[in-house]
């Protein structure tokens, strides 16, 4: 008689492992795609007021309050003690080659039962330098 446990347990493990393949790559592709869509909706150069107006439209007329905001310390974003959001601002500076003077992070709805953050990075003239998307679970 065939021992079904000897067959089913390894089969279940193989199926589970097959489902895990490519998870990180898929995640990174999704994040890049969502960030690209934000770049289309919020192009660099928009004023802070224009960003707020577009956010209000996206939120069906509801005024959005930043979940986090900050300004550049005199010694830069990567100082001790660590500035909340500083790593994100430093990456935005590296991507764009521009100085980020301030940022705002908003909590937004992303599809059904999913939440995300929109990161907005501004220069000294309050013009948008960059925007980035993040899962709230990160």
C-alpha atoms as a PDB file:
ATOM      1  CA  UNK A   1       0.000   0.000   0.000  1.00  0.00           C
ATOM      2  CA  UNK A   2       1.250   3.503  -0.878  1.00  0.00           C
ATOM      3  CA  UNK A   3       1.873   5.844   2.016  1.00  0.00           C
ATOM      4  CA  UNK A   4       0.037   9.001   0.920  1.00  0.00           C
ATOM      5  CA  UNK A   5       1.807  11.104   3.539  1.00  0.00           C
ATOM      6  CA  UNK A   6       5.164  10.379   1.924  1.00  0.00           C
ATOM      7  CA  UNK A   7       3.810  11.738  -1.337  1.00  0.00           C
ATOM      8  CA  UNK A   8       1.565  14.589  -0.199  1.00  0.00           C
ATOM      9  CA  UNK A   9       3.967  16.326   2.195  1.00  0.00           C
ATOM     10  CA  UNK A  10       6.832  16.752  -0.321  1.00  0.00           C
ATOM     11  CA  UNK A  11       4.296  17.725  -2.987  1.00  0.00           C
ATOM     12  CA  UNK A  12       2.832  20.401  -0.711  1.00  0.00           C
ATOM     13  CA  UNK A  13       6.313  21.742   0.018  1.00  0.00           C
ATOM     14  CA  UNK A  14       7.131  21.927  -3.699  1.00  0.00           C
ATOM     15  CA  UNK A  15       3.890  23.750  -4.467  1.00  0.00           C
ATOM     16  CA  UNK A  16       4.535  26.238  -1.658  1.00  0.00           C
ATOM     17  CA  UNK A  17       8.090  26.893  -2.834  1.00  0.00           C
ATOM     18  CA  UNK A  18       6.968  27.331  -6.433  1.00  0.00           C
ATOM     19  CA  UNK A  19       4.521  30.025  -5.298  1.00  0.00           C
ATOM     20  CA  UNK A  20       7.340  31.981  -3.625  1.00  0.00           C
ATOM     21  CA  UNK A  21       9.495  32.336  -6.723  1.00  0.00           C
ATOM     22  CA  UNK A  22      10.058  35.835  -8.044  1.00  0.00           C
ATOM     23  CA  UNK A  23       8.344  37.546  -5.125  1.00  0.00           C
ATOM     24  CA  UNK A  24      10.929  40.268  -4.640  1.00  0.00           C
ATOM     25  CA  UNK A  25      11.274  40.977  -8.350  1.00  0.00           C
ATOM     26  CA  UNK A  26       7.506  41.225  -8.727  1.00  0.00           C
ATOM     27  CA  UNK A  27       7.330  43.553  -5.732  1.00  0.00           C
ATOM     28  CA  UNK A  28      10.047  45.811  -7.145  1.00  0.00           C
ATOM     29  CA  UNK A  29       8.315  45.905 -10.545  1.00  0.00           C
ATOM     30  CA  UNK A  30       5.010  46.864  -8.915  1.00  0.00           C
ATOM     31  CA  UNK A  31       6.653  49.603  -6.877  1.00  0.00           C
ATOM     32  CA  UNK A  32       8.475  50.956  -9.949  1.00  0.00           C
ATOM     33  CA  UNK A  33       5.237  50.915 -11.969  1.00  0.00           C
ATOM     34  CA  UNK A  34       3.302  52.772  -9.309  1.00  0.00           C
ATOM     35  CA  UNK A  35       6.098  55.323  -8.896  1.00  0.00           C
ATOM     36  CA  UNK A  36       6.108  55.848 -12.683  1.00  0.00           C
ATOM     37  CA  UNK A  37       2.355  56.546 -12.591  1.00  0.00           C
ATOM     38  CA  UNK A  38       2.943  59.082  -9.803  1.00  0.00           C
ATOM     39  CA  UNK A  39       5.593  60.785 -11.965  1.00  0.00           C
ATOM     40  CA  UNK A  40       2.969  61.169 -14.693  1.00  0.00           C
ATOM     41  CA  UNK A  41       0.350  62.547 -12.292  1.00  0.00           C
ATOM     42  CA  UNK A  42       2.807  64.752 -10.386  1.00  0.00           C
ATOM     43  CA  UNK A  43       5.581  65.875 -12.755  1.00  0.00           C
ATOM     44  CA  UNK A  44       8.680  67.581 -11.402  1.00  0.00           C
ATOM     45  CA  UNK A  45       8.348  71.341 -11.214  1.00  0.00           C
ATOM     46  CA  UNK A  46       4.802  71.473  -9.811  1.00  0.00           C
ATOM     47  CA  UNK A  47       4.415  73.876  -6.934  1.00  0.00           C
ATOM     48  CA  UNK A  48       3.533  72.541  -3.492  1.00  0.00           C
ATOM     49  CA  UNK A  49       0.086  74.152  -3.862  1.00  0.00           C
ATOM     50  CA  UNK A  50      -0.455  72.330  -7.189  1.00  0.00           C
ATOM     51  CA  UNK A  51       0.561  69.032  -5.579  1.00  0.00           C
ATOM     52  CA  UNK A  52      -1.944  69.639  -2.765  1.00  0.00           C
ATOM     53  CA  UNK A  53      -4.701  70.474  -5.272  1.00  0.00           C
ATOM     54  CA  UNK A  54      -4.056  67.264  -7.223  1.00  0.00           C
ATOM     55  CA  UNK A  55      -4.011  65.229  -4.007  1.00  0.00           C
ATOM     56  CA  UNK A  56      -7.356  66.739  -3.021  1.00  0.00           C
ATOM     57  CA  UNK A  57      -8.788  65.756  -6.416  1.00  0.00           C
ATOM     58  CA  UNK A  58      -7.418  62.228  -6.088  1.00  0.00           C
ATOM     59  CA  UNK A  59      -8.975  61.981  -2.615  1.00  0.00           C
ATOM     60  CA  UNK A  60     -12.418  63.042  -3.954  1.00  0.00           C
ATOM     61  CA  UNK A  61     -12.264  66.551  -2.516  1.00  0.00           C
ATOM     62  CA  UNK A  62     -10.941  65.567   0.904  1.00  0.00           C
ATOM     63  CA  UNK A  63      -8.096  67.681   2.235  1.00  0.00           C
ATOM     64  CA  UNK A  64      -5.072  65.445   2.752  1.00  0.00           C
ATOM     65  CA  UNK A  65      -2.892  65.875   5.830  1.00  0.00           C
ATOM     66  CA  UNK A  66       0.720  64.660   5.604  1.00  0.00           C
ATOM     67  CA  UNK A  67       1.415  61.611   7.754  1.00  0.00           C
ATOM     68  CA  UNK A  68       4.982  62.926   8.015  1.00  0.00           C
ATOM     69  CA  UNK A  69       6.824  66.032   6.868  1.00  0.00           C
ATOM     70  CA  UNK A  70      10.248  67.430   7.402  1.00  0.00           C
ATOM     71  CA  UNK A  71      12.840  69.979   6.421  1.00  0.00           C
ATOM     72  CA  UNK A  72      16.472  69.502   5.536  1.00  0.00           C
ATOM     73  CA  UNK A  73      18.802  69.842   8.538  1.00  0.00           C
ATOM     74  CA  UNK A  74      21.752  72.224   8.063  1.00  0.00           C
ATOM     75  CA  UNK A  75      24.100  69.205   8.166  1.00  0.00           C
ATOM     76  CA  UNK A  76      22.118  67.183   5.580  1.00  0.00           C
ATOM     77  CA  UNK A  77      19.611  64.358   5.692  1.00  0.00           C
ATOM     78  CA  UNK A  78      21.968  61.672   6.966  1.00  0.00           C
ATOM     79  CA  UNK A  79      22.872  63.081  10.351  1.00  0.00           C
ATOM     80  CA  UNK A  80      22.962  61.613  13.827  1.00  0.00           C
ATOM     81  CA  UNK A  81      20.416  61.277  15.256  1.00  0.00           C
ATOM     82  CA  UNK A  82      18.695  60.021  12.136  1.00  0.00           C
ATOM     83  CA  UNK A  83      16.066  62.353  10.663  1.00  0.00           C
ATOM     84  CA  UNK A  84      12.752  60.537   9.989  1.00  0.00           C
ATOM     85  CA  UNK A  85      12.468  60.273   6.212  1.00  0.00           C
ATOM     86  CA  UNK A  86      16.113  61.233   5.710  1.00  0.00           C
ATOM     87  CA  UNK A  87      17.058  58.028   3.875  1.00  0.00           C
ATOM     88  CA  UNK A  88      14.192  58.551   1.427  1.00  0.00           C
ATOM     89  CA  UNK A  89      15.242  62.165   0.801  1.00  0.00           C
ATOM     90  CA  UNK A  90      18.855  61.151   0.245  1.00  0.00           C
ATOM     91  CA  UNK A  91      17.791  58.572  -2.359  1.00  0.00           C
ATOM     92  CA  UNK A  92      15.646  61.204  -4.100  1.00  0.00           C
ATOM     93  CA  UNK A  93      18.657  63.521  -4.249  1.00  0.00           C
ATOM     94  CA  UNK A  94      20.782  60.729  -5.712  1.00  0.00           C
ATOM     95  CA  UNK A  95      18.126  59.898  -8.334  1.00  0.00           C
ATOM     96  CA  UNK A  96      17.524  63.472  -9.436  1.00  0.00           C
ATOM     97  CA  UNK A  97      20.825  65.208  -8.745  1.00  0.00           C
ATOM     98  CA  UNK A  98      18.857  68.001  -7.030  1.00  0.00           C
ATOM     99  CA  UNK A  99      18.819  69.156  -3.419  1.00  0.00           C
ATOM    100  CA  UNK A 100      15.701  68.163  -1.461  1.00  0.00           C
ATOM    101  CA  UNK A 101      14.874  70.877   1.083  1.00  0.00           C
ATOM    102  CA  UNK A 102      11.649  69.368   2.411  1.00  0.00           C
ATOM    103  CA  UNK A 103       9.351  66.385   2.039  1.00  0.00           C
ATOM    104  CA  UNK A 104       5.781  65.344   2.720  1.00  0.00           C
ATOM    105  CA  UNK A 105       4.549  61.759   3.032  1.00  0.00           C
ATOM    106  CA  UNK A 106       0.839  61.040   2.624  1.00  0.00           C
ATOM    107  CA  UNK A 107      -1.099  57.921   3.549  1.00  0.00           C
ATOM    108  CA  UNK A 108      -3.265  56.922   0.586  1.00  0.00           C
ATOM    109  CA  UNK A 109      -5.575  54.100  -0.479  1.00  0.00           C
ATOM    110  CA  UNK A 110      -4.082  51.817  -3.123  1.00  0.00           C
ATOM    111  CA  UNK A 111      -6.745  49.579  -4.539  1.00  0.00           C
ATOM    112  CA  UNK A 112      -8.957  47.245  -2.547  1.00  0.00           C
ATOM    113  CA  UNK A 113      -7.828  46.775   1.084  1.00  0.00           C
ATOM    114  CA  UNK A 114      -4.361  48.153   0.409  1.00  0.00           C
ATOM    115  CA  UNK A 115      -2.673  51.279   1.743  1.00  0.00           C
ATOM    116  CA  UNK A 116       0.389  53.100   0.494  1.00  0.00           C
ATOM    117  CA  UNK A 117       2.457  56.221   0.997  1.00  0.00           C
ATOM    118  CA  UNK A 118       3.111  58.961  -1.517  1.00  0.00           C
ATOM    119  CA  UNK A 119       6.430  60.703  -0.884  1.00  0.00           C
ATOM    120  CA  UNK A 120       6.821  64.226  -2.293  1.00  0.00           C
ATOM    121  CA  UNK A 121      10.226  65.941  -2.310  1.00  0.00           C
ATOM    122  CA  UNK A 122      10.512  69.717  -2.745  1.00  0.00           C
ATOM    123  CA  UNK A 123      13.363  72.165  -3.411  1.00  0.00           C
ATOM    124  CA  UNK A 124      13.991  75.521  -1.718  1.00  0.00           C
ATOM    125  CA  UNK A 125      11.426  77.225  -4.013  1.00  0.00           C
ATOM    126  CA  UNK A 126       8.725  74.676  -3.009  1.00  0.00           C
ATOM    127  CA  UNK A 127       8.845  73.115  -6.480  1.00  0.00           C
ATOM    128  CA  UNK A 128       8.430  69.333  -6.722  1.00  0.00           C
ATOM    129  CA  UNK A 129      11.761  67.580  -7.249  1.00  0.00           C
ATOM    130  CA  UNK A 130      10.584  63.958  -7.161  1.00  0.00           C
ATOM    131  CA  UNK A 131       7.765  61.689  -6.049  1.00  0.00           C
ATOM    132  CA  UNK A 132       7.846  58.092  -4.876  1.00  0.00           C
ATOM    133  CA  UNK A 133       5.350  55.340  -4.010  1.00  0.00           C
ATOM    134  CA  UNK A 134       5.684  52.910  -1.064  1.00  0.00           C
ATOM    135  CA  UNK A 135       3.588  50.110   0.400  1.00  0.00           C
ATOM    136  CA  UNK A 136       2.569  51.002   3.956  1.00  0.00           C
ATOM    137  CA  UNK A 137       3.675  47.551   5.063  1.00  0.00           C
ATOM    138  CA  UNK A 138       7.325  48.321   4.137  1.00  0.00           C
END
